[in-house]
Amino acid sequence: MSYNELARLEVLSAINSINSMAELQAFKDVIARFFAQRAQQGIDALWENGKITPDTIEAWGEEHMRTPYRHAENRS
């Protein structure tokens, strides 16, 4: 059985024990903290490897990443 399949079983088992909206919110908070921690570890690794620097962060602050809008008649 793969890790993915094992994870699904664990999550389904946990979900089956949720009996209220408060428990559902607590479960969602735990999942959110887990993924936030993984993201932070990834960012920390990039910082330690020098792939993210103070200059990188400054450049991000100056980027404009909005998607330009196209008028309906110009869409294909």
PDB file of N, CA and C in Angstrom:
ATOM      1  N   MET A   1       0.858  -1.173   0.000  1.00  0.00           N
ATOM      2  CA  MET A   1       0.000   0.000   0.000  1.00  0.00           C
ATOM      3  C   MET A   1       0.902   1.234   0.000  1.00  0.00           C
ATOM      4  N   SER A   2       0.566   2.224  -0.831  1.00  0.00           N
ATOM      5  CA  SER A   2       1.389   3.425  -0.946  1.00  0.00           C
ATOM      6  C   SER A   2       1.140   4.370   0.235  1.00  0.00           C
ATOM      7  N   TYR A   3       2.055   5.317   0.401  1.00  0.00           N
ATOM      8  CA  TYR A   3       1.883   6.329   1.454  1.00  0.00           C
ATOM      9  C   TYR A   3       0.619   7.135   1.218  1.00  0.00           C
ATOM     10  N   ASN A   4       0.321   7.396  -0.043  1.00  0.00           N
ATOM     11  CA  ASN A   4      -0.868   8.143  -0.396  1.00  0.00           C
ATOM     12  C   ASN A   4      -2.129   7.402   0.056  1.00  0.00           C
ATOM     13  N   GLU A   5      -2.176   6.118  -0.198  1.00  0.00           N
ATOM     14  CA  GLU A   5      -3.331   5.314   0.208  1.00  0.00           C
ATOM     15  C   GLU A   5      -3.428   5.219   1.731  1.00  0.00           C
ATOM     16  N   LEU A   6      -2.295   5.062   2.391  1.00  0.00           N
ATOM     17  CA  LEU A   6      -2.301   5.035   3.858  1.00  0.00           C
ATOM     18  C   LEU A   6      -2.804   6.358   4.432  1.00  0.00           C
ATOM     19  N   ALA A   7      -2.361   7.455   3.834  1.00  0.00           N
ATOM     20  CA  ALA A   7      -2.798   8.774   4.291  1.00  0.00           C
ATOM     21  C   ALA A   7      -4.307   8.929   4.128  1.00  0.00           C
ATOM     22  N   ARG A   8      -4.836   8.479   2.999  1.00  0.00           N
ATOM     23  CA  ARG A   8      -6.285   8.555   2.786  1.00  0.00           C
ATOM     24  C   ARG A   8      -7.045   7.801   3.864  1.00  0.00           C
ATOM     25  N   LEU A   9      -6.577   6.609   4.188  1.00  0.00           N
ATOM     26  CA  LEU A   9      -7.247   5.818   5.230  1.00  0.00           C
ATOM     27  C   LEU A   9      -7.200   6.509   6.584  1.00  0.00           C
ATOM     28  N   GLU A  10      -6.053   7.095   6.902  1.00  0.00           N
ATOM     29  CA  GLU A  10      -5.922   7.807   8.181  1.00  0.00           C
ATOM     30  C   GLU A  10      -6.853   9.004   8.243  1.00  0.00           C
ATOM     31  N   VAL A  11      -6.919   9.766   7.155  1.00  0.00           N
ATOM     32  CA  VAL A  11      -7.786  10.940   7.126  1.00  0.00           C
ATOM     33  C   VAL A  11      -9.248  10.517   7.209  1.00  0.00           C
ATOM     34  N   LEU A  12      -9.632   9.503   6.476  1.00  0.00           N
ATOM     35  CA  LEU A  12     -11.013   9.013   6.549  1.00  0.00           C
ATOM     36  C   LEU A  12     -11.368   8.530   7.949  1.00  0.00           C
ATOM     37  N   SER A  13     -10.440   7.860   8.589  1.00  0.00           N
ATOM     38  CA  SER A  13     -10.667   7.402   9.956  1.00  0.00           C
ATOM     39  C   SER A  13     -10.864   8.589  10.894  1.00  0.00           C
ATOM     40  N   ALA A  14     -10.037   9.612  10.725  1.00  0.00           N
ATOM     41  CA  ALA A  14     -10.173  10.806  11.565  1.00  0.00           C
ATOM     42  C   ALA A  14     -11.499  11.510  11.302  1.00  0.00           C
ATOM     43  N   ILE A  15     -11.879  11.601  10.039  1.00  0.00           N
ATOM     44  CA  ILE A  15     -13.132  12.268   9.685  1.00  0.00           C
ATOM     45  C   ILE A  15     -14.325  11.550  10.301  1.00  0.00           C
ATOM     46  N   ASN A  16     -14.280  10.235  10.358  1.00  0.00           N
ATOM     47  CA  ASN A  16     -15.387   9.468  10.921  1.00  0.00           C
ATOM     48  C   ASN A  16     -15.612   9.751  12.400  1.00  0.00           C
ATOM     49  N   SER A  17     -14.617  10.300  13.071  1.00  0.00           N
ATOM     50  CA  SER A  17     -14.777  10.573  14.502  1.00  0.00           C
ATOM     51  C   SER A  17     -15.229  12.003  14.781  1.00  0.00           C
ATOM     52  N   ILE A  18     -15.430  12.814  13.745  1.00  0.00           N
ATOM     53  CA  ILE A  18     -15.870  14.196  13.928  1.00  0.00           C
ATOM     54  C   ILE A  18     -17.373  14.207  14.171  1.00  0.00           C
ATOM     55  N   ASN A  19     -17.770  14.840  15.298  1.00  0.00           N
ATOM     56  CA  ASN A  19     -19.176  14.821  15.701  1.00  0.00           C
ATOM     57  C   ASN A  19     -19.812  16.198  15.850  1.00  0.00           C
ATOM     58  N   SER A  20     -19.067  17.268  15.530  1.00  0.00           N
ATOM     59  CA  SER A  20     -19.641  18.603  15.679  1.00  0.00           C
ATOM     60  C   SER A  20     -18.883  19.584  14.785  1.00  0.00           C
ATOM     61  N   MET A  21     -19.470  20.755  14.606  1.00  0.00           N
ATOM     62  CA  MET A  21     -18.809  21.791  13.825  1.00  0.00           C
ATOM     63  C   MET A  21     -17.515  22.236  14.514  1.00  0.00           C
ATOM     64  N   ALA A  22     -17.510  22.251  15.834  1.00  0.00           N
ATOM     65  CA  ALA A  22     -16.300  22.645  16.569  1.00  0.00           C
ATOM     66  C   ALA A  22     -15.175  21.649  16.303  1.00  0.00           C
ATOM     67  N   GLU A  23     -15.501  20.364  16.302  1.00  0.00           N
ATOM     68  CA  GLU A  23     -14.485  19.346  16.006  1.00  0.00           C
ATOM     69  C   GLU A  23     -14.018  19.449  14.561  1.00  0.00           C
ATOM     70  N   LEU A  24     -14.948  19.740  13.644  1.00  0.00           N
ATOM     71  CA  LEU A  24     -14.569  19.910  12.237  1.00  0.00           C
ATOM     72  C   LEU A  24     -13.609  21.085  12.096  1.00  0.00           C
ATOM     73  N   GLN A  25     -13.908  22.196  12.777  1.00  0.00           N
ATOM     74  CA  GLN A  25     -13.022  23.355  12.695  1.00  0.00           C
ATOM     75  C   GLN A  25     -11.656  23.042  13.290  1.00  0.00           C
ATOM     76  N   ALA A  26     -11.626  22.310  14.394  1.00  0.00           N
ATOM     77  CA  ALA A  26     -10.348  21.930  15.002  1.00  0.00           C
ATOM     78  C   ALA A  26      -9.549  21.039  14.050  1.00  0.00           C
ATOM     79  N   PHE A  27     -10.221  20.116  13.370  1.00  0.00           N
ATOM     80  CA  PHE A  27      -9.562  19.242  12.403  1.00  0.00           C
ATOM     81  C   PHE A  27      -8.982  20.062  11.257  1.00  0.00           C
ATOM     82  N   LYS A  28      -9.766  20.992  10.730  1.00  0.00           N
ATOM     83  CA  LYS A  28      -9.294  21.837   9.650  1.00  0.00           C
ATOM     84  C   LYS A  28      -8.092  22.671  10.095  1.00  0.00           C
ATOM     85  N   ASP A  29      -8.109  23.145  11.330  1.00  0.00           N
ATOM     86  CA  ASP A  29      -6.987  23.933  11.860  1.00  0.00           C
ATOM     87  C   ASP A  29      -5.709  23.099  11.929  1.00  0.00           C
ATOM     88  N   VAL A  30      -5.848  21.847  12.350  1.00  0.00           N
ATOM     89  CA  VAL A  30      -4.682  20.957  12.421  1.00  0.00           C
ATOM     90  C   VAL A  30      -4.104  20.723  11.030  1.00  0.00           C
ATOM     91  N   ILE A  31      -4.964  20.466  10.063  1.00  0.00           N
ATOM     92  CA  ILE A  31      -4.505  20.251   8.684  1.00  0.00           C
ATOM     93  C   ILE A  31      -3.827  21.514   8.154  1.00  0.00           C
ATOM     94  N   ALA A  32      -4.427  22.670   8.405  1.00  0.00           N
ATOM     95  CA  ALA A  32      -3.853  23.935   7.935  1.00  0.00           C
ATOM     96  C   ALA A  32      -2.482  24.173   8.560  1.00  0.00           C
ATOM     97  N   ARG A  33      -2.349  23.915   9.861  1.00  0.00           N
ATOM     98  CA  ARG A  33      -1.045  24.086  10.528  1.00  0.00           C
ATOM     99  C   ARG A  33      -0.005  23.139   9.944  1.00  0.00           C
ATOM    100  N   PHE A  34      -0.413  21.912   9.628  1.00  0.00           N
ATOM    101  CA  PHE A  34       0.505  20.938   9.047  1.00  0.00           C
ATOM    102  C   PHE A  34       1.082  21.460   7.728  1.00  0.00           C
ATOM    103  N   PHE A  35       0.195  21.936   6.836  1.00  0.00           N
ATOM    104  CA  PHE A  35       0.664  22.406   5.541  1.00  0.00           C
ATOM    105  C   PHE A  35       1.420  23.726   5.663  1.00  0.00           C
ATOM    106  N   ALA A  36       1.038  24.578   6.597  1.00  0.00           N
ATOM    107  CA  ALA A  36       1.788  25.819   6.819  1.00  0.00           C
ATOM    108  C   ALA A  36       3.203  25.508   7.305  1.00  0.00           C
ATOM    109  N   GLN A  37       3.331  24.519   8.178  1.00  0.00           N
ATOM    110  CA  GLN A  37       4.652  24.116   8.667  1.00  0.00           C
ATOM    111  C   GLN A  37       5.503  23.564   7.530  1.00  0.00           C
ATOM    112  N   ARG A  38       4.914  22.756   6.660  1.00  0.00           N
ATOM    113  CA  ARG A  38       5.661  22.223   5.504  1.00  0.00           C
ATOM    114  C   ARG A  38       6.114  23.348   4.585  1.00  0.00           C
ATOM    115  N   ALA A  39       5.246  24.323   4.358  1.00  0.00           N
ATOM    116  CA  ALA A  39       5.615  25.454   3.511  1.00  0.00           C
ATOM    117  C   ALA A  39       6.751  26.241   4.146  1.00  0.00           C
ATOM    118  N   GLN A  40       6.671  26.461   5.462  1.00  0.00           N
ATOM    119  CA  GLN A  40       7.721  27.204   6.156  1.00  0.00           C
ATOM    120  C   GLN A  40       9.051  26.464   6.087  1.00  0.00           C
ATOM    121  N   GLN A  41       9.027  25.151   6.214  1.00  0.00           N
ATOM    122  CA  GLN A  41      10.256  24.366   6.103  1.00  0.00           C
ATOM    123  C   GLN A  41      10.854  24.496   4.706  1.00  0.00           C
ATOM    124  N   GLY A  42      10.017  24.503   3.690  1.00  0.00           N
ATOM    125  CA  GLY A  42      10.498  24.682   2.324  1.00  0.00           C
ATOM    126  C   GLY A  42      11.118  26.055   2.117  1.00  0.00           C
ATOM    127  N   ILE A  43      10.464  27.076   2.649  1.00  0.00           N
ATOM    128  CA  ILE A  43      10.999  28.440   2.545  1.00  0.00           C
ATOM    129  C   ILE A  43      12.322  28.548   3.291  1.00  0.00           C
ATOM    130  N   ASP A  44      12.376  27.960   4.491  1.00  0.00           N
ATOM    131  CA  ASP A  44      13.622  27.988   5.264  1.00  0.00           C
ATOM    132  C   ASP A  44      14.759  27.316   4.505  1.00  0.00           C
ATOM    133  N   ALA A  45      14.463  26.209   3.842  1.00  0.00           N
ATOM    134  CA  ALA A  45      15.494  25.505   3.071  1.00  0.00           C
ATOM    135  C   ALA A  45      15.978  26.374   1.915  1.00  0.00           C
ATOM    136  N   LEU A  46      15.075  27.056   1.230  1.00  0.00           N
ATOM    137  CA  LEU A  46      15.470  27.947   0.140  1.00  0.00           C
ATOM    138  C   LEU A  46      16.328  29.101   0.659  1.00  0.00           C
ATOM    139  N   TRP A  47      15.998  29.609   1.829  1.00  0.00           N
ATOM    140  CA  TRP A  47      16.771  30.699   2.442  1.00  0.00           C
ATOM    141  C   TRP A  47      18.182  30.204   2.793  1.00  0.00           C
ATOM    142  N   GLU A  48      18.245  29.043   3.419  1.00  0.00           N
ATOM    143  CA  GLU A  48      19.537  28.496   3.830  1.00  0.00           C
ATOM    144  C   GLU A  48      20.419  28.162   2.632  1.00  0.00           C
ATOM    145  N   ASN A  49      19.822  27.759   1.509  1.00  0.00           N
ATOM    146  CA  ASN A  49      20.577  27.445   0.300  1.00  0.00           C
ATOM    147  C   ASN A  49      20.926  28.682  -0.515  1.00  0.00           C
ATOM    148  N   GLY A  50      20.462  29.835  -0.075  1.00  0.00           N
ATOM    149  CA  GLY A  50      20.758  31.078  -0.779  1.00  0.00           C
ATOM    150  C   GLY A  50      19.898  31.326  -2.001  1.00  0.00           C
ATOM    151  N   LYS A  51      18.847  30.524  -2.184  1.00  0.00           N
ATOM    152  CA  LYS A  51      17.968  30.727  -3.335  1.00  0.00           C
ATOM    153  C   LYS A  51      16.974  31.855  -3.092  1.00  0.00           C
ATOM    154  N   ILE A  52      16.731  32.168  -1.832  1.00  0.00           N
ATOM    155  CA  ILE A  52      15.947  33.335  -1.450  1.00  0.00           C
ATOM    156  C   ILE A  52      16.860  34.202  -0.600  1.00  0.00           C
ATOM    157  N   THR A  53      16.947  35.472  -0.970  1.00  0.00           N
ATOM    158  CA  THR A  53      17.784  36.428  -0.243  1.00  0.00           C
ATOM    159  C   THR A  53      16.951  37.663   0.067  1.00  0.00           C
ATOM    160  N   PRO A  54      17.480  38.575   0.872  1.00  0.00           N
ATOM    161  CA  PRO A  54      16.738  39.824   1.082  1.00  0.00           C
ATOM    162  C   PRO A  54      16.449  40.550  -0.236  1.00  0.00           C
ATOM    163  N   ASP A  55      17.366  40.452  -1.200  1.00  0.00           N
ATOM    164  CA  ASP A  55      17.132  41.074  -2.509  1.00  0.00           C
ATOM    165  C   ASP A  55      15.961  40.411  -3.241  1.00  0.00           C
ATOM    166  N   THR A  56      15.840  39.086  -3.113  1.00  0.00           N
ATOM    167  CA  THR A  56      14.728  38.360  -3.734  1.00  0.00           C
ATOM    168  C   THR A  56      13.405  38.854  -3.171  1.00  0.00           C
ATOM    169  N   ILE A  57      13.341  38.974  -1.868  1.00  0.00           N
ATOM    170  CA  ILE A  57      12.109  39.418  -1.206  1.00  0.00           C
ATOM    171  C   ILE A  57      11.773  40.844  -1.620  1.00  0.00           C
ATOM    172  N   GLU A  58      12.784  41.691  -1.714  1.00  0.00           N
ATOM    173  CA  GLU A  58      12.564  43.071  -2.162  1.00  0.00           C
ATOM    174  C   GLU A  58      12.021  43.092  -3.589  1.00  0.00           C
ATOM    175  N   ALA A  59      12.572  42.247  -4.458  1.00  0.00           N
ATOM    176  CA  ALA A  59      12.098  42.175  -5.843  1.00  0.00           C
ATOM    177  C   ALA A  59      10.651  41.701  -5.900  1.00  0.00           C
ATOM    178  N   TRP A  60      10.290  40.752  -5.064  1.00  0.00           N
ATOM    179  CA  TRP A  60       8.901  40.280  -5.022  1.00  0.00           C
ATOM    180  C   TRP A  60       7.951  41.423  -4.689  1.00  0.00           C
ATOM    181  N   GLY A  61       8.389  42.284  -3.779  1.00  0.00           N
ATOM    182  CA  GLY A  61       7.549  43.410  -3.376  1.00  0.00           C
ATOM    183  C   GLY A  61       7.287  44.401  -4.496  1.00  0.00           C
ATOM    184  N   GLU A  62       8.133  44.387  -5.516  1.00  0.00           N
ATOM    185  CA  GLU A  62       7.991  45.318  -6.634  1.00  0.00           C
ATOM    186  C   GLU A  62       7.336  44.684  -7.857  1.00  0.00           C
ATOM    187  N   GLU A  63       7.040  43.382  -7.805  1.00  0.00           N
ATOM    188  CA  GLU A  63       6.443  42.698  -8.949  1.00  0.00           C
ATOM    189  C   GLU A  63       4.962  43.014  -9.067  1.00  0.00           C
ATOM    190  N   HIS A  64       4.513  43.052 -10.310  1.00  0.00           N
ATOM    191  CA  HIS A  64       3.089  43.201 -10.606  1.00  0.00           C
ATOM    192  C   HIS A  64       2.686  41.938 -11.352  1.00  0.00           C
ATOM    193  N   MET A  65       1.987  41.048 -10.655  1.00  0.00           N
ATOM    194  CA  MET A  65       1.687  39.738 -11.233  1.00  0.00           C
ATOM    195  C   MET A  65       0.211  39.591 -11.585  1.00  0.00           C
ATOM    196  N   ARG A  66      -0.460  40.696 -11.773  1.00  0.00           N
ATOM    197  CA  ARG A  66      -1.881  40.621 -12.128  1.00  0.00           C
ATOM    198  C   ARG A  66      -2.048  40.104 -13.546  1.00  0.00           C
ATOM    199  N   THR A  67      -3.102  39.358 -13.744  1.00  0.00           N
ATOM    200  CA  THR A  67      -3.442  38.877 -15.079  1.00  0.00           C
ATOM    201  C   THR A  67      -4.182  39.988 -15.801  1.00  0.00           C
ATOM    202  N   PRO A  68      -3.703  40.374 -16.984  1.00  0.00           N
ATOM    203  CA  PRO A  68      -4.422  41.439 -17.696  1.00  0.00           C
ATOM    204  C   PRO A  68      -5.794  40.947 -18.152  1.00  0.00           C
ATOM    205  N   TYR A  69      -6.765  41.833 -18.059  1.00  0.00           N
ATOM    206  CA  TYR A  69      -8.108  41.488 -18.502  1.00  0.00           C
ATOM    207  C   TYR A  69      -8.201  41.686 -20.009  1.00  0.00           C
ATOM    208  N   ARG A  70      -8.938  40.780 -20.638  1.00  0.00           N
ATOM    209  CA  ARG A  70      -9.190  40.908 -22.068  1.00  0.00           C
ATOM    210  C   ARG A  70     -10.685  41.117 -22.258  1.00  0.00           C
ATOM    211  N   HIS A  71     -11.024  41.979 -23.183  1.00  0.00           N
ATOM    212  CA  HIS A  71     -12.444  42.198 -23.468  1.00  0.00           C
ATOM    213  C   HIS A  71     -13.013  40.968 -24.156  1.00  0.00           C
ATOM    214  N   ALA A  72     -14.281  40.739 -23.970  1.00  0.00           N
ATOM    215  CA  ALA A  72     -14.944  39.543 -24.496  1.00  0.00           C
ATOM    216  C   ALA A  72     -14.773  39.414 -26.010  1.00  0.00           C
ATOM    217  N   GLU A  73     -14.797  40.513 -26.735  1.00  0.00           N
ATOM    218  CA  GLU A  73     -14.676  40.424 -28.192  1.00  0.00           C
ATOM    219  C   GLU A  73     -13.272  40.015 -28.640  1.00  0.00           C
ATOM    220  N   ASN A  74     -12.267  40.142 -27.764  1.00  0.00           N
ATOM    221  CA  ASN A  74     -10.889  39.766 -28.104  1.00  0.00           C
ATOM    222  C   ASN A  74     -10.534  38.343 -27.693  1.00  0.00           C
ATOM    223  N   ARG A  75     -11.450  37.677 -27.026  1.00  0.00           N
ATOM    224  CA  ARG A  75     -11.165  36.304 -26.584  1.00  0.00           C
ATOM    225  C   ARG A  75     -11.337  35.332 -27.740  1.00  0.00           C
ATOM    226  N   SER A  76     -10.511  34.305 -27.721  1.00  0.00           N
ATOM    227  CA  SER A  76     -10.663  33.301 -28.786  1.00  0.00           C
ATOM    228  C   SER A  76     -11.100  31.982 -28.228  1.00  0.00           C
TER     229      SER A  76
END
